[in-house]
Protein backbone atom coordinates (compact mmCIF):
# COMPACT_ATOMS: atom_id res chain seq x y z
CA MET A 1 -9.54 85.98 59.19
CA ARG A 2 -9.92 85.57 62.92
CA ARG A 3 -12.40 82.73 62.41
CA THR A 4 -9.95 81.07 60.03
CA LEU A 5 -7.20 81.38 62.62
CA ILE A 6 -9.40 80.00 65.39
CA THR A 7 -10.55 77.15 63.15
CA ALA A 8 -6.97 76.39 62.13
CA THR A 9 -5.84 76.44 65.77
CA ALA A 10 -8.70 74.17 66.82
CA ALA A 11 -7.99 71.79 63.93
CA THR A 12 -4.31 71.70 64.83
CA ALA A 13 -5.13 70.98 68.47
CA LEU A 14 -7.53 68.23 67.42
CA ALA A 15 -4.92 66.73 65.09
CA PHE A 16 -2.35 66.65 67.87
CA THR A 17 -4.85 65.12 70.25
CA LEU A 18 -5.69 62.42 67.74
CA ALA A 19 -2.02 61.89 66.89
CA GLY A 20 -1.30 61.25 70.56
CA CYS A 21 -4.00 58.57 70.78
CA GLY A 22 -3.08 54.98 70.11
CA GLY A 23 0.30 55.03 71.83
CA GLY A 24 0.75 52.42 74.49
CA ASP A 25 2.08 52.89 77.98
CA SER A 26 5.12 50.72 78.70
CA ASP A 27 4.53 51.06 82.46
CA VAL A 28 1.15 49.29 82.37
CA ASP A 29 0.77 46.57 84.96
CA PRO A 30 0.68 43.18 83.18
CA THR A 31 -2.10 42.02 85.51
CA ALA A 32 -4.28 44.95 84.45
CA GLY A 33 -5.20 43.34 81.14
CA GLN A 34 -2.30 44.27 78.89
CA THR A 35 -2.52 41.96 75.92
CA SER A 36 0.46 43.11 73.85
CA PRO A 37 4.08 42.40 74.69
CA PRO A 38 6.33 45.33 75.72
CA ALA A 39 8.03 45.36 72.28
CA ALA A 40 4.70 46.13 70.62
CA THR A 41 4.08 48.92 73.13
CA ALA A 42 7.49 50.45 72.40
CA SER A 43 6.70 50.27 68.70
CA ALA A 44 3.39 52.05 69.27
CA ASP A 45 5.16 54.75 71.31
CA ALA A 46 7.66 55.30 68.49
CA GLU A 47 4.77 55.53 66.04
CA SER A 48 3.06 58.16 68.21
CA ALA A 49 6.30 60.14 68.42
CA GLY A 50 6.58 60.01 64.63
CA SER A 51 3.00 61.22 64.32
CA ALA A 52 3.73 64.10 66.69
CA GLU A 53 6.77 65.08 64.61
CA ASP A 54 4.64 64.95 61.46
CA GLY A 55 2.04 67.09 63.26
CA ALA A 56 4.68 69.63 64.26
CA ALA A 57 5.97 69.75 60.69
CA ALA A 58 2.42 70.29 59.44
CA ALA A 59 1.80 73.01 62.04
CA THR A 60 5.06 74.71 61.06
CA LYS A 61 4.14 74.65 57.38
CA GLU A 62 0.66 75.96 58.14
CA ALA A 63 2.04 78.76 60.33
CA CYS A 64 4.56 79.76 57.68
CA ASP A 65 1.97 79.59 54.90
CA MET A 66 -0.20 81.98 56.88
CA ALA A 67 2.37 84.33 58.46
CA VAL A 68 4.80 84.96 55.60
CA PRO A 69 2.34 86.30 52.99
CA VAL A 70 0.53 88.48 55.54
CA SER A 71 3.84 89.86 56.81
CA GLU A 72 5.14 90.49 53.29
CA GLU A 73 1.95 92.28 52.28
CA ASN A 74 1.74 94.42 55.41
CA THR A 75 5.42 95.30 55.20
CA ALA A 76 5.08 96.26 51.53
CA ASN A 77 2.06 98.44 52.30
CA ILE A 78 3.37 100.24 55.39
CA GLU A 79 4.44 103.34 53.41
CA ASP A 80 0.95 103.58 51.88
CA ASP A 81 -0.57 103.18 55.33
CA PHE A 82 1.54 106.06 56.62
CA GLY A 83 0.48 108.14 53.63
CA LYS A 84 -3.16 107.52 54.50
CA LEU A 85 -2.52 108.49 58.11
CA ILE A 86 -0.84 111.73 57.05
CA ALA A 87 -3.61 112.57 54.56
CA ALA A 88 -6.24 111.93 57.23
CA ALA A 89 -4.34 114.06 59.75
CA VAL A 90 -4.24 116.91 57.22
CA GLU A 91 -7.98 116.50 56.66
CA GLY A 92 -8.47 116.60 60.41
CA GLY A 93 -11.53 115.83 62.46
CA SER A 94 -12.85 112.32 62.70
CA ALA A 95 -10.94 111.22 59.58
CA ALA A 96 -7.67 111.28 61.53
CA GLU A 97 -9.14 109.31 64.40
CA THR A 98 -10.71 106.78 62.06
CA ALA A 99 -7.49 106.32 60.07
CA GLU A 100 -5.42 105.86 63.21
CA SER A 101 -7.95 103.41 64.66
CA GLU A 102 -7.94 101.35 61.44
CA PHE A 103 -4.14 101.41 61.28
CA ARG A 104 -3.75 100.31 64.90
CA SER A 105 -6.41 97.64 64.45
CA LYS A 106 -4.56 96.26 61.42
CA LEU A 107 -1.28 96.12 63.35
CA ALA A 108 -2.95 94.58 66.41
CA GLY A 109 -4.52 91.88 64.23
CA TRP A 110 -1.20 91.17 62.55
CA SER A 111 0.69 90.99 65.84
CA GLY A 112 -2.03 88.84 67.39
CA MET A 113 -1.95 86.41 64.48
CA LEU A 114 1.83 86.06 64.76
CA GLN A 115 1.62 85.55 68.52
CA SER A 116 -1.09 82.91 68.23
CA LEU A 117 0.91 81.02 65.59
CA ALA A 118 4.00 81.16 67.82
CA VAL A 119 2.24 79.22 70.59
CA ASP A 120 1.40 76.39 68.19
CA PRO A 121 3.75 73.38 68.24
CA VAL A 122 5.99 74.70 65.47
CA ASP A 123 9.71 74.43 64.75
CA ALA A 124 11.78 76.35 67.34
CA ASP A 125 13.37 78.68 64.75
CA VAL A 126 9.96 79.50 63.29
CA GLN A 127 8.54 80.04 66.76
CA GLN A 128 11.33 82.49 67.58
CA ALA A 129 10.87 84.36 64.29
CA LEU A 130 7.10 84.56 64.82
CA THR A 131 7.58 85.85 68.35
CA GLU A 132 10.16 88.44 67.31
CA ALA A 133 8.01 89.65 64.41
CA ALA A 134 4.97 89.89 66.71
CA ASP A 135 7.02 91.93 69.18
CA VAL A 136 8.21 94.33 66.45
CA VAL A 137 4.67 94.86 65.17
CA ALA A 138 3.33 95.33 68.72
CA GLN A 139 6.10 97.84 69.46
CA ILE A 140 5.23 99.86 66.35
CA ASN A 141 1.56 99.73 67.31
CA ASP A 142 2.26 101.10 70.79
CA PRO A 143 0.99 104.70 70.92
CA ASP A 144 4.03 105.61 73.03
CA ASP A 145 6.50 104.18 70.50
CA ASN A 146 8.82 106.85 69.06
CA THR A 147 10.32 104.84 66.21
CA PRO A 148 10.77 107.25 63.25
CA MET A 149 8.54 106.45 60.29
CA GLY A 150 11.61 105.95 58.12
CA GLN A 151 12.83 103.14 60.37
CA VAL A 152 9.50 101.35 60.69
CA ALA A 153 9.64 99.90 57.18
CA ASP A 154 13.19 98.68 57.81
CA LEU A 155 12.24 97.04 61.12
CA LEU A 156 9.26 95.31 59.53
CA ALA A 157 11.32 94.20 56.54
CA GLU A 158 13.99 92.76 58.84
CA ALA A 159 11.42 90.87 60.94
CA THR A 160 9.67 89.56 57.82
CA GLY A 161 13.04 88.52 56.36
CA LYS A 162 13.87 86.53 59.50
CA LEU A 163 10.46 84.88 59.34
CA LYS A 164 10.95 83.94 55.68
CA THR A 165 14.40 82.53 56.44
CA ALA A 166 13.10 80.45 59.34
CA CYS A 167 10.27 79.15 57.18
CA ALA A 168 12.48 78.27 54.21
């Protein structure tokens, strides 16, 4: 999943780099070899801006397509995850440590994914929802967090709901 995210981020960065190419600079000195009139340069700039907007829309769609299903699944499974943690704690020994490590790793991966998507050039509302959801997941993953288990599912559901609304 991490490779997919890195690949997607690199592809998005490449797409934005390529989308920015081809736009003219209206401040170019005419004696420096500019062969197109200023109107053509303005047209090329507008085209580049349109490409950037299309790129942002594509990045937003990609971020939503990735973040919403993962958030829905993890939110739906949080009660089961707590059950596994409790069962492992009852079992004791290394089972409890392993279960907690896996749980925290899952939450760290989820939060990290949301944070990395939030730094992409996405819609502002989506960016805010991604950031807020990442913060909620990171808070829950903090070993010093004292949020009652009964409230965790509600917090995650609220953050996921905001993300879905922003992505709609």
